[in-house]
Amino acid sequence: MVFETELTAALCAFVLGGEVEVRHDFTLADDRSHIRVDCETESHVYEVGLDARTSSYDSVSQALFAAELTGKLPAVVIIDTNGIEDHEEYRVRVAARAAGITYLTIDRDFLIRMQMAWPFRLRKEHFLGPDELAALN
C-alpha cells in the first residue's frame, strides 16, 4: 500500500519540481506556531489530498493560508485513486475554483509509476550520449 505522504513526495519531486513539507513559522499575539506546506515551488504552494477523504476539505483553507504567509499562489491537488469524481473531490474542486485557487487532479497509479521508474530515468544519462538523450525527450 502506498501512503499519502509517499504520493505527495512523488508528486512534488517528479511532477511539480518542488520541495516537500516546507515549514513556515508565524507569530500571533506572542504565540509562535508554524505550518508545513505539502509542496512548494518558486511560484506556488500546493496542498495535496486524496479523493474520497473528508480530510481533503482542509486543503482549500490550508492553501489560502500558506499563500498568505508566503506571497505565493495557492493550489490544491487531489490524488485520484479510483477514476471517479466522488462527493469529497467535487466539493473541494468547487470550493477551490470559487476561491480562485488552482485545482488539479492526478492519477495515483501514474505517480507510483513515476516513482518506480525514476531511478532508471536517472541512469540513462550514464549510458546515452547527449544526442541520444535529446532524441528521447
N, C-alpha and C. Protein backbone atom coordinates (compact mmCIF):
# COMPACT_ATOMS: atom_id res chain seq x y z
N MET A 1 0.84 -1.18 0.00
CA MET A 1 0.00 0.00 0.00
C MET A 1 0.88 1.25 0.00
N VAL A 2 0.54 2.19 -0.82
CA VAL A 2 1.28 3.45 -0.89
C VAL A 2 0.51 4.49 -0.09
N PHE A 3 1.23 5.21 0.76
CA PHE A 3 0.61 6.19 1.65
C PHE A 3 0.58 7.57 1.02
N GLU A 4 -0.29 8.43 1.56
CA GLU A 4 -0.45 9.79 1.04
C GLU A 4 0.87 10.56 1.07
N THR A 5 1.66 10.38 2.11
CA THR A 5 2.93 11.11 2.19
C THR A 5 3.88 10.70 1.07
N GLU A 6 3.91 9.42 0.73
CA GLU A 6 4.76 8.95 -0.37
C GLU A 6 4.26 9.48 -1.70
N LEU A 7 2.95 9.49 -1.89
CA LEU A 7 2.39 10.01 -3.13
C LEU A 7 2.65 11.51 -3.26
N THR A 8 2.53 12.22 -2.15
CA THR A 8 2.80 13.66 -2.17
C THR A 8 4.26 13.92 -2.52
N ALA A 9 5.17 13.15 -1.95
CA ALA A 9 6.59 13.31 -2.25
C ALA A 9 6.87 13.05 -3.73
N ALA A 10 6.25 12.01 -4.30
CA ALA A 10 6.44 11.72 -5.72
C ALA A 10 5.87 12.83 -6.58
N LEU A 11 4.68 13.31 -6.24
CA LEU A 11 4.06 14.41 -6.98
C LEU A 11 4.94 15.64 -6.96
N CYS A 12 5.42 15.99 -5.79
CA CYS A 12 6.21 17.21 -5.62
C CYS A 12 7.54 17.10 -6.38
N ALA A 13 8.22 16.00 -6.23
CA ALA A 13 9.55 15.85 -6.85
C ALA A 13 9.48 15.62 -8.35
N PHE A 14 8.63 14.72 -8.79
CA PHE A 14 8.65 14.28 -10.19
C PHE A 14 7.74 15.08 -11.11
N VAL A 15 6.69 15.67 -10.58
CA VAL A 15 5.73 16.37 -11.44
C VAL A 15 5.83 17.89 -11.26
N LEU A 16 5.83 18.35 -10.01
CA LEU A 16 5.79 19.79 -9.75
C LEU A 16 7.18 20.42 -9.62
N GLY A 17 8.19 19.62 -9.36
CA GLY A 17 9.54 20.13 -9.22
C GLY A 17 9.73 21.03 -8.02
N GLY A 18 9.08 20.66 -6.91
CA GLY A 18 9.13 21.49 -5.73
C GLY A 18 9.80 20.81 -4.56
N GLU A 19 9.66 21.44 -3.41
CA GLU A 19 10.22 20.94 -2.16
C GLU A 19 9.06 20.47 -1.27
N VAL A 20 9.23 19.32 -0.66
CA VAL A 20 8.19 18.69 0.16
C VAL A 20 8.26 19.18 1.60
N GLU A 21 7.07 19.36 2.21
CA GLU A 21 6.94 19.65 3.64
C GLU A 21 7.78 20.86 4.08
N VAL A 22 7.56 21.98 3.43
CA VAL A 22 8.29 23.20 3.76
C VAL A 22 7.63 23.86 4.97
N ARG A 23 8.45 24.15 5.96
CA ARG A 23 7.95 24.75 7.21
C ARG A 23 7.96 26.28 7.11
N HIS A 24 6.87 26.89 7.58
CA HIS A 24 6.77 28.34 7.66
C HIS A 24 6.29 28.72 9.06
N ASP A 25 7.10 29.52 9.74
CA ASP A 25 6.77 29.97 11.09
C ASP A 25 5.96 31.26 11.04
N PHE A 26 5.13 31.45 12.05
CA PHE A 26 4.41 32.72 12.21
C PHE A 26 4.12 32.93 13.69
N THR A 27 3.93 34.18 14.06
CA THR A 27 3.66 34.53 15.45
C THR A 27 2.37 35.33 15.51
N LEU A 28 1.55 35.00 16.47
CA LEU A 28 0.29 35.70 16.67
C LEU A 28 0.14 35.94 18.17
N ALA A 29 0.14 37.21 18.57
CA ALA A 29 -0.01 37.58 19.98
C ALA A 29 1.01 36.85 20.86
N ASP A 30 2.24 36.91 20.47
CA ASP A 30 3.35 36.29 21.20
C ASP A 30 3.28 34.77 21.26
N ASP A 31 2.44 34.18 20.46
CA ASP A 31 2.33 32.72 20.39
C ASP A 31 2.94 32.27 19.07
N ARG A 32 4.06 31.57 19.14
CA ARG A 32 4.74 31.11 17.94
C ARG A 32 4.13 29.80 17.48
N SER A 33 3.95 29.69 16.17
CA SER A 33 3.41 28.47 15.58
C SER A 33 4.02 28.30 14.19
N HIS A 34 3.60 27.26 13.49
CA HIS A 34 4.09 27.03 12.14
C HIS A 34 3.10 26.18 11.35
N ILE A 35 3.28 26.20 10.06
CA ILE A 35 2.56 25.30 9.17
C ILE A 35 3.59 24.57 8.32
N ARG A 36 3.17 23.50 7.70
CA ARG A 36 4.00 22.79 6.73
C ARG A 36 3.22 22.72 5.43
N VAL A 37 3.84 23.21 4.38
CA VAL A 37 3.22 23.18 3.06
C VAL A 37 3.57 21.84 2.42
N ASP A 38 2.58 21.15 1.88
CA ASP A 38 2.82 19.83 1.28
C ASP A 38 3.88 19.88 0.20
N CYS A 39 3.78 20.87 -0.69
CA CYS A 39 4.76 21.03 -1.77
C CYS A 39 4.85 22.51 -2.12
N GLU A 40 6.08 23.00 -2.23
CA GLU A 40 6.27 24.41 -2.53
C GLU A 40 7.25 24.58 -3.69
N THR A 41 6.84 25.39 -4.66
CA THR A 41 7.71 25.73 -5.78
C THR A 41 8.05 27.21 -5.69
N GLU A 42 8.76 27.72 -6.68
CA GLU A 42 9.10 29.15 -6.68
C GLU A 42 7.86 30.03 -6.73
N SER A 43 6.79 29.52 -7.34
CA SER A 43 5.61 30.36 -7.55
C SER A 43 4.36 29.92 -6.79
N HIS A 44 4.28 28.65 -6.37
CA HIS A 44 3.05 28.12 -5.79
C HIS A 44 3.28 27.39 -4.47
N VAL A 45 2.22 27.36 -3.66
CA VAL A 45 2.14 26.47 -2.50
C VAL A 45 1.00 25.49 -2.80
N TYR A 46 1.32 24.20 -2.75
CA TYR A 46 0.37 23.15 -3.10
C TYR A 46 -0.03 22.38 -1.86
N GLU A 47 -1.33 22.24 -1.66
CA GLU A 47 -1.85 21.36 -0.63
C GLU A 47 -2.42 20.14 -1.35
N VAL A 48 -2.09 18.97 -0.85
CA VAL A 48 -2.41 17.72 -1.52
C VAL A 48 -3.37 16.91 -0.66
N GLY A 49 -4.37 16.32 -1.31
CA GLY A 49 -5.32 15.46 -0.62
C GLY A 49 -5.66 14.26 -1.47
N LEU A 50 -6.22 13.26 -0.84
CA LEU A 50 -6.70 12.08 -1.55
C LEU A 50 -8.20 12.19 -1.78
N ASP A 51 -8.65 11.65 -2.91
CA ASP A 51 -10.09 11.66 -3.16
C ASP A 51 -10.79 10.75 -2.16
N ALA A 52 -12.08 10.93 -2.03
CA ALA A 52 -12.91 10.12 -1.14
C ALA A 52 -12.49 10.22 0.32
N ARG A 53 -11.86 11.33 0.69
CA ARG A 53 -11.47 11.56 2.08
C ARG A 53 -11.95 12.94 2.51
N THR A 54 -12.67 13.00 3.61
CA THR A 54 -13.13 14.30 4.10
C THR A 54 -11.98 15.19 4.55
N SER A 55 -10.83 14.60 4.86
CA SER A 55 -9.66 15.40 5.25
C SER A 55 -9.20 16.31 4.11
N SER A 56 -9.59 16.00 2.88
CA SER A 56 -9.23 16.84 1.73
C SER A 56 -9.92 18.19 1.77
N TYR A 57 -11.02 18.31 2.53
CA TYR A 57 -11.72 19.59 2.62
C TYR A 57 -10.80 20.68 3.16
N ASP A 58 -9.88 20.32 4.03
CA ASP A 58 -8.96 21.29 4.62
C ASP A 58 -7.98 21.88 3.61
N SER A 59 -7.80 21.22 2.49
CA SER A 59 -6.79 21.65 1.51
C SER A 59 -7.01 23.07 1.04
N VAL A 60 -8.26 23.48 0.86
CA VAL A 60 -8.55 24.83 0.37
C VAL A 60 -8.10 25.88 1.37
N SER A 61 -8.49 25.74 2.63
CA SER A 61 -8.09 26.74 3.62
C SER A 61 -6.59 26.70 3.86
N GLN A 62 -5.99 25.52 3.85
CA GLN A 62 -4.54 25.43 4.04
C GLN A 62 -3.79 26.11 2.90
N ALA A 63 -4.25 25.92 1.68
CA ALA A 63 -3.60 26.55 0.53
C ALA A 63 -3.71 28.07 0.61
N LEU A 64 -4.88 28.57 0.99
CA LEU A 64 -5.06 30.01 1.12
C LEU A 64 -4.18 30.60 2.21
N PHE A 65 -4.10 29.94 3.35
CA PHE A 65 -3.29 30.44 4.45
C PHE A 65 -1.81 30.41 4.08
N ALA A 66 -1.36 29.32 3.47
CA ALA A 66 0.04 29.22 3.06
C ALA A 66 0.39 30.29 2.03
N ALA A 67 -0.54 30.57 1.12
CA ALA A 67 -0.31 31.62 0.13
C ALA A 67 -0.17 32.97 0.79
N GLU A 68 -0.98 33.23 1.79
CA GLU A 68 -0.90 34.50 2.52
C GLU A 68 0.44 34.64 3.23
N LEU A 69 0.93 33.56 3.84
CA LEU A 69 2.21 33.60 4.54
C LEU A 69 3.40 33.77 3.60
N THR A 70 3.32 33.14 2.44
CA THR A 70 4.49 33.08 1.55
C THR A 70 4.46 34.11 0.42
N GLY A 71 3.28 34.65 0.11
CA GLY A 71 3.17 35.53 -1.04
C GLY A 71 3.14 34.79 -2.36
N LYS A 72 2.94 33.48 -2.29
CA LYS A 72 2.88 32.66 -3.50
C LYS A 72 1.44 32.33 -3.85
N LEU A 73 1.25 31.75 -5.02
CA LEU A 73 -0.10 31.39 -5.48
C LEU A 73 -0.54 30.08 -4.84
N PRO A 74 -1.82 30.02 -4.42
CA PRO A 74 -2.33 28.78 -3.81
C PRO A 74 -2.77 27.78 -4.86
N ALA A 75 -2.59 26.50 -4.54
CA ALA A 75 -3.05 25.43 -5.42
C ALA A 75 -3.41 24.21 -4.58
N VAL A 76 -4.39 23.46 -5.08
CA VAL A 76 -4.82 22.21 -4.45
C VAL A 76 -4.69 21.10 -5.48
N VAL A 77 -4.12 19.98 -5.05
CA VAL A 77 -4.02 18.81 -5.91
C VAL A 77 -4.71 17.65 -5.20
N ILE A 78 -5.64 17.03 -5.90
CA ILE A 78 -6.28 15.82 -5.38
C ILE A 78 -5.71 14.62 -6.13
N ILE A 79 -5.23 13.65 -5.37
CA ILE A 79 -4.72 12.42 -5.96
C ILE A 79 -5.90 11.48 -6.12
N ASP A 80 -6.19 11.15 -7.36
CA ASP A 80 -7.35 10.32 -7.71
C ASP A 80 -6.98 8.85 -7.60
N THR A 81 -7.70 8.12 -6.77
CA THR A 81 -7.40 6.71 -6.54
C THR A 81 -8.36 5.76 -7.25
N ASN A 82 -9.48 6.31 -7.76
CA ASN A 82 -10.49 5.41 -8.31
C ASN A 82 -11.05 5.81 -9.67
N GLY A 83 -10.57 6.89 -10.25
CA GLY A 83 -11.03 7.31 -11.58
C GLY A 83 -12.42 7.93 -11.60
N ILE A 84 -12.97 8.21 -10.42
CA ILE A 84 -14.32 8.77 -10.32
C ILE A 84 -14.26 10.04 -9.47
N GLU A 85 -14.96 11.08 -9.90
CA GLU A 85 -15.06 12.27 -9.06
C GLU A 85 -16.15 12.02 -8.02
N ASP A 86 -15.72 11.76 -6.78
CA ASP A 86 -16.66 11.47 -5.70
C ASP A 86 -17.12 12.77 -5.05
N HIS A 87 -17.97 12.65 -4.03
CA HIS A 87 -18.54 13.82 -3.36
C HIS A 87 -17.47 14.73 -2.78
N GLU A 88 -16.48 14.14 -2.09
CA GLU A 88 -15.44 14.95 -1.47
C GLU A 88 -14.61 15.69 -2.52
N GLU A 89 -14.23 15.00 -3.56
CA GLU A 89 -13.44 15.61 -4.63
C GLU A 89 -14.22 16.74 -5.30
N TYR A 90 -15.49 16.51 -5.54
CA TYR A 90 -16.35 17.53 -6.15
C TYR A 90 -16.42 18.78 -5.27
N ARG A 91 -16.62 18.58 -3.96
CA ARG A 91 -16.72 19.73 -3.05
C ARG A 91 -15.42 20.53 -3.01
N VAL A 92 -14.29 19.85 -2.99
CA VAL A 92 -13.00 20.55 -2.98
C VAL A 92 -12.80 21.31 -4.29
N ARG A 93 -13.13 20.68 -5.41
CA ARG A 93 -12.97 21.34 -6.71
C ARG A 93 -13.82 22.60 -6.79
N VAL A 94 -15.07 22.52 -6.40
CA VAL A 94 -15.97 23.67 -6.47
C VAL A 94 -15.49 24.79 -5.54
N ALA A 95 -15.11 24.44 -4.31
CA ALA A 95 -14.64 25.45 -3.36
C ALA A 95 -13.33 26.10 -3.83
N ALA A 96 -12.42 25.29 -4.34
CA ALA A 96 -11.14 25.84 -4.82
C ALA A 96 -11.36 26.81 -5.96
N ARG A 97 -12.16 26.42 -6.91
CA ARG A 97 -12.40 27.31 -8.06
C ARG A 97 -13.15 28.58 -7.64
N ALA A 98 -14.07 28.46 -6.70
CA ALA A 98 -14.80 29.64 -6.23
C ALA A 98 -13.86 30.62 -5.52
N ALA A 99 -12.82 30.08 -4.88
CA ALA A 99 -11.85 30.92 -4.18
C ALA A 99 -10.71 31.38 -5.08
N GLY A 100 -10.74 30.97 -6.34
CA GLY A 100 -9.69 31.37 -7.28
C GLY A 100 -8.39 30.60 -7.10
N ILE A 101 -8.48 29.41 -6.55
CA ILE A 101 -7.31 28.57 -6.31
C ILE A 101 -7.14 27.60 -7.48
N THR A 102 -5.91 27.45 -7.94
CA THR A 102 -5.62 26.44 -8.96
C THR A 102 -5.99 25.08 -8.40
N TYR A 103 -6.73 24.29 -9.20
CA TYR A 103 -7.16 22.97 -8.77
C TYR A 103 -6.70 21.95 -9.82
N LEU A 104 -6.04 20.90 -9.36
CA LEU A 104 -5.55 19.85 -10.24
C LEU A 104 -5.90 18.48 -9.67
N THR A 105 -6.03 17.51 -10.55
CA THR A 105 -6.11 16.12 -10.10
C THR A 105 -5.02 15.34 -10.83
N ILE A 106 -4.56 14.30 -10.18
CA ILE A 106 -3.54 13.45 -10.79
C ILE A 106 -3.81 12.02 -10.36
N ASP A 107 -3.55 11.10 -11.25
CA ASP A 107 -3.81 9.68 -11.03
C ASP A 107 -2.77 9.05 -10.10
N ARG A 108 -3.24 8.36 -9.09
CA ARG A 108 -2.34 7.70 -8.12
C ARG A 108 -1.39 6.73 -8.81
N ASP A 109 -1.91 5.93 -9.73
CA ASP A 109 -1.07 4.93 -10.39
C ASP A 109 0.02 5.58 -11.25
N PHE A 110 -0.27 6.72 -11.84
CA PHE A 110 0.74 7.46 -12.59
C PHE A 110 1.88 7.87 -11.66
N LEU A 111 1.54 8.37 -10.48
CA LEU A 111 2.58 8.77 -9.52
C LEU A 111 3.42 7.58 -9.08
N ILE A 112 2.79 6.46 -8.87
CA ILE A 112 3.53 5.26 -8.47
C ILE A 112 4.48 4.84 -9.57
N ARG A 113 4.01 4.86 -10.83
CA ARG A 113 4.89 4.50 -11.95
C ARG A 113 6.06 5.48 -12.07
N MET A 114 5.79 6.77 -11.89
CA MET A 114 6.86 7.77 -11.95
C MET A 114 7.91 7.48 -10.88
N GLN A 115 7.45 7.19 -9.68
CA GLN A 115 8.37 6.92 -8.58
C GLN A 115 9.19 5.66 -8.84
N MET A 116 8.56 4.63 -9.38
CA MET A 116 9.25 3.38 -9.64
C MET A 116 10.27 3.52 -10.77
N ALA A 117 9.95 4.32 -11.78
CA ALA A 117 10.81 4.43 -12.96
C ALA A 117 11.90 5.49 -12.81
N TRP A 118 11.78 6.34 -11.81
CA TRP A 118 12.73 7.46 -11.68
C TRP A 118 14.20 7.03 -11.64
N PRO A 119 14.57 6.01 -10.87
CA PRO A 119 15.99 5.62 -10.86
C PRO A 119 16.50 5.22 -12.24
N PHE A 120 15.64 4.60 -13.04
CA PHE A 120 16.06 4.18 -14.38
C PHE A 120 16.21 5.38 -15.31
N ARG A 121 15.36 6.37 -15.14
CA ARG A 121 15.48 7.59 -15.93
C ARG A 121 16.78 8.33 -15.61
N LEU A 122 17.15 8.33 -14.36
CA LEU A 122 18.41 8.96 -13.97
C LEU A 122 19.61 8.21 -14.53
N ARG A 123 19.54 6.91 -14.57
CA ARG A 123 20.67 6.09 -15.03
C ARG A 123 20.87 6.17 -16.53
N LYS A 124 19.84 6.48 -17.30
CA LYS A 124 20.01 6.51 -18.75
C LYS A 124 21.04 7.54 -19.17
N GLU A 125 21.25 8.58 -18.34
CA GLU A 125 22.25 9.59 -18.65
C GLU A 125 23.65 9.01 -18.63
N HIS A 126 23.86 7.95 -17.87
CA HIS A 126 25.17 7.32 -17.79
C HIS A 126 25.46 6.46 -19.01
N PHE A 127 24.41 6.01 -19.71
CA PHE A 127 24.60 5.09 -20.81
C PHE A 127 24.42 5.74 -22.18
N LEU A 128 23.74 6.86 -22.24
CA LEU A 128 23.46 7.52 -23.50
C LEU A 128 24.23 8.83 -23.61
N GLY A 129 24.59 9.17 -24.81
CA GLY A 129 25.24 10.45 -25.05
C GLY A 129 24.21 11.56 -25.17
N PRO A 130 24.66 12.81 -25.30
CA PRO A 130 23.74 13.95 -25.37
C PRO A 130 22.77 13.87 -26.54
N ASP A 131 23.23 13.36 -27.69
CA ASP A 131 22.34 13.27 -28.86
C ASP A 131 21.24 12.25 -28.65
N GLU A 132 21.59 11.11 -28.04
CA GLU A 132 20.59 10.07 -27.78
C GLU A 132 19.58 10.54 -26.74
N LEU A 133 20.06 11.25 -25.71
CA LEU A 133 19.15 11.78 -24.69
C LEU A 133 18.19 12.80 -25.29
N ALA A 134 18.69 13.67 -26.15
CA ALA A 134 17.84 14.68 -26.79
C ALA A 134 16.78 14.02 -27.64
N ALA A 135 17.11 12.93 -28.30
CA ALA A 135 16.14 12.23 -29.15
C ALA A 135 15.02 11.60 -28.32
N LEU A 136 15.33 11.20 -27.07
CA LEU A 136 14.33 10.60 -26.20
C LEU A 136 13.35 11.63 -25.63
N ASN A 137 13.81 12.86 -25.47
CA ASN A 137 12.97 13.89 -24.84
C ASN A 137 12.21 14.68 -25.82
